Amino acid sequence: MFGLANGFHLNVVHYIFITYYNI
């Protein structure tokens, strides 16, 4: 469960980071 949550968190951070950089 922790691994899945950690992977999801990293995906969200990565997506937000890319979106922020695209602006």
PDB file of N, CA and C in Angstrom:
ATOM      1  N   MET A   1       0.856  -1.209   0.000  1.00  0.00           N
ATOM      2  CA  MET A   1       0.000   0.000   0.000  1.00  0.00           C
ATOM      3  C   MET A   1       0.887   1.253   0.000  1.00  0.00           C
ATOM      4  N   PHE A   2       1.927   1.246   0.806  1.00  0.00           N
ATOM      5  CA  PHE A   2       2.806   2.419   0.878  1.00  0.00           C
ATOM      6  C   PHE A   2       3.508   2.652  -0.462  1.00  0.00           C
ATOM      7  N   GLY A   3       3.931   1.549  -1.098  1.00  0.00           N
ATOM      8  CA  GLY A   3       4.614   1.675  -2.388  1.00  0.00           C
ATOM      9  C   GLY A   3       3.692   2.273  -3.437  1.00  0.00           C
ATOM     10  N   LEU A   4       2.432   1.845  -3.425  1.00  0.00           N
ATOM     11  CA  LEU A   4       1.457   2.349  -4.396  1.00  0.00           C
ATOM     12  C   LEU A   4       1.202   3.832  -4.156  1.00  0.00           C
ATOM     13  N   ALA A   5       1.053   4.207  -2.889  1.00  0.00           N
ATOM     14  CA  ALA A   5       0.801   5.609  -2.543  1.00  0.00           C
ATOM     15  C   ALA A   5       2.008   6.461  -2.930  1.00  0.00           C
ATOM     16  N   ASN A   6       3.208   5.923  -2.701  1.00  0.00           N
ATOM     17  CA  ASN A   6       4.426   6.656  -3.030  1.00  0.00           C
ATOM     18  C   ASN A   6       4.528   6.850  -4.534  1.00  0.00           C
ATOM     19  N   GLY A   7       4.196   5.804  -5.312  1.00  0.00           N
ATOM     20  CA  GLY A   7       4.248   5.904  -6.765  1.00  0.00           C
ATOM     21  C   GLY A   7       3.231   6.912  -7.273  1.00  0.00           C
ATOM     22  N   PHE A   8       2.031   6.911  -6.677  1.00  0.00           N
ATOM     23  CA  PHE A   8       0.991   7.851  -7.091  1.00  0.00           C
ATOM     24  C   PHE A   8       1.427   9.274  -6.775  1.00  0.00           C
ATOM     25  N   HIS A   9       2.035   9.470  -5.617  1.00  0.00           N
ATOM     26  CA  HIS A   9       2.494  10.794  -5.210  1.00  0.00           C
ATOM     27  C   HIS A   9       3.555  11.301  -6.183  1.00  0.00           C
ATOM     28  N   LEU A  10       4.483  10.416  -6.559  1.00  0.00           N
ATOM     29  CA  LEU A  10       5.538  10.816  -7.494  1.00  0.00           C
ATOM     30  C   LEU A  10       4.944  11.175  -8.851  1.00  0.00           C
ATOM     31  N   ASN A  11       3.910  10.432  -9.274  1.00  0.00           N
ATOM     32  CA  ASN A  11       3.267  10.713 -10.559  1.00  0.00           C
ATOM     33  C   ASN A  11       2.595  12.073 -10.523  1.00  0.00           C
ATOM     34  N   VAL A  12       1.930  12.393  -9.412  1.00  0.00           N
ATOM     35  CA  VAL A  12       1.244  13.678  -9.279  1.00  0.00           C
ATOM     36  C   VAL A  12       2.258  14.814  -9.294  1.00  0.00           C
ATOM     37  N   VAL A  13       3.332  14.653  -8.541  1.00  0.00           N
ATOM     38  CA  VAL A  13       4.370  15.693  -8.493  1.00  0.00           C
ATOM     39  C   VAL A  13       4.986  15.884  -9.870  1.00  0.00           C
ATOM     40  N   HIS A  14       5.234  14.780 -10.576  1.00  0.00           N
ATOM     41  CA  HIS A  14       5.830  14.851 -11.903  1.00  0.00           C
ATOM     42  C   HIS A  14       4.890  15.568 -12.868  1.00  0.00           C
ATOM     43  N   TYR A  15       3.600  15.253 -12.787  1.00  0.00           N
ATOM     44  CA  TYR A  15       2.614  15.876 -13.674  1.00  0.00           C
ATOM     45  C   TYR A  15       2.501  17.371 -13.388  1.00  0.00           C
ATOM     46  N   ILE A  16       2.459  17.737 -12.113  1.00  0.00           N
ATOM     47  CA  ILE A  16       2.357  19.158 -11.747  1.00  0.00           C
ATOM     48  C   ILE A  16       3.627  19.893 -12.185  1.00  0.00           C
ATOM     49  N   PHE A  17       4.780  19.236 -12.020  1.00  0.00           N
ATOM     50  CA  PHE A  17       6.052  19.861 -12.390  1.00  0.00           C
ATOM     51  C   PHE A  17       6.090  20.159 -13.879  1.00  0.00           C
ATOM     52  N   ILE A  18       5.648  19.194 -14.702  1.00  0.00           N
ATOM     53  CA  ILE A  18       5.642  19.382 -16.155  1.00  0.00           C
ATOM     54  C   ILE A  18       4.635  20.463 -16.541  1.00  0.00           C
ATOM     55  N   THR A  19       3.469  20.436 -15.920  1.00  0.00           N
ATOM     56  CA  THR A  19       2.437  21.425 -16.234  1.00  0.00           C
ATOM     57  C   THR A  19       2.925  22.827 -15.876  1.00  0.00           C
ATOM     58  N   TYR A  20       3.594  22.953 -14.731  1.00  0.00           N
ATOM     59  CA  TYR A  20       4.096  24.251 -14.293  1.00  0.00           C
ATOM     60  C   TYR A  20       5.178  24.756 -15.248  1.00  0.00           C
ATOM     61  N   TYR A  21       6.009  23.834 -15.737  1.00  0.00           N
ATOM     62  CA  TYR A  21       7.082  24.219 -16.640  1.00  0.00           C
ATOM     63  C   TYR A  21       6.549  24.603 -18.014  1.00  0.00           C
ATOM     64  N   ASN A  22       5.401  24.014 -18.394  1.00  0.00           N
ATOM     65  CA  ASN A  22       4.824  24.317 -19.703  1.00  0.00           C
ATOM     66  C   ASN A  22       4.235  25.721 -19.736  1.00  0.00           C
ATOM     67  N   ILE A  23       3.896  26.256 -18.566  1.00  0.00           N
ATOM     68  CA  ILE A  23       3.281  27.589 -18.526  1.00  0.00           C
ATOM     69  C   ILE A  23       4.351  28.649 -18.813  1.00  0.00           C
TER      70      ILE A  23
END
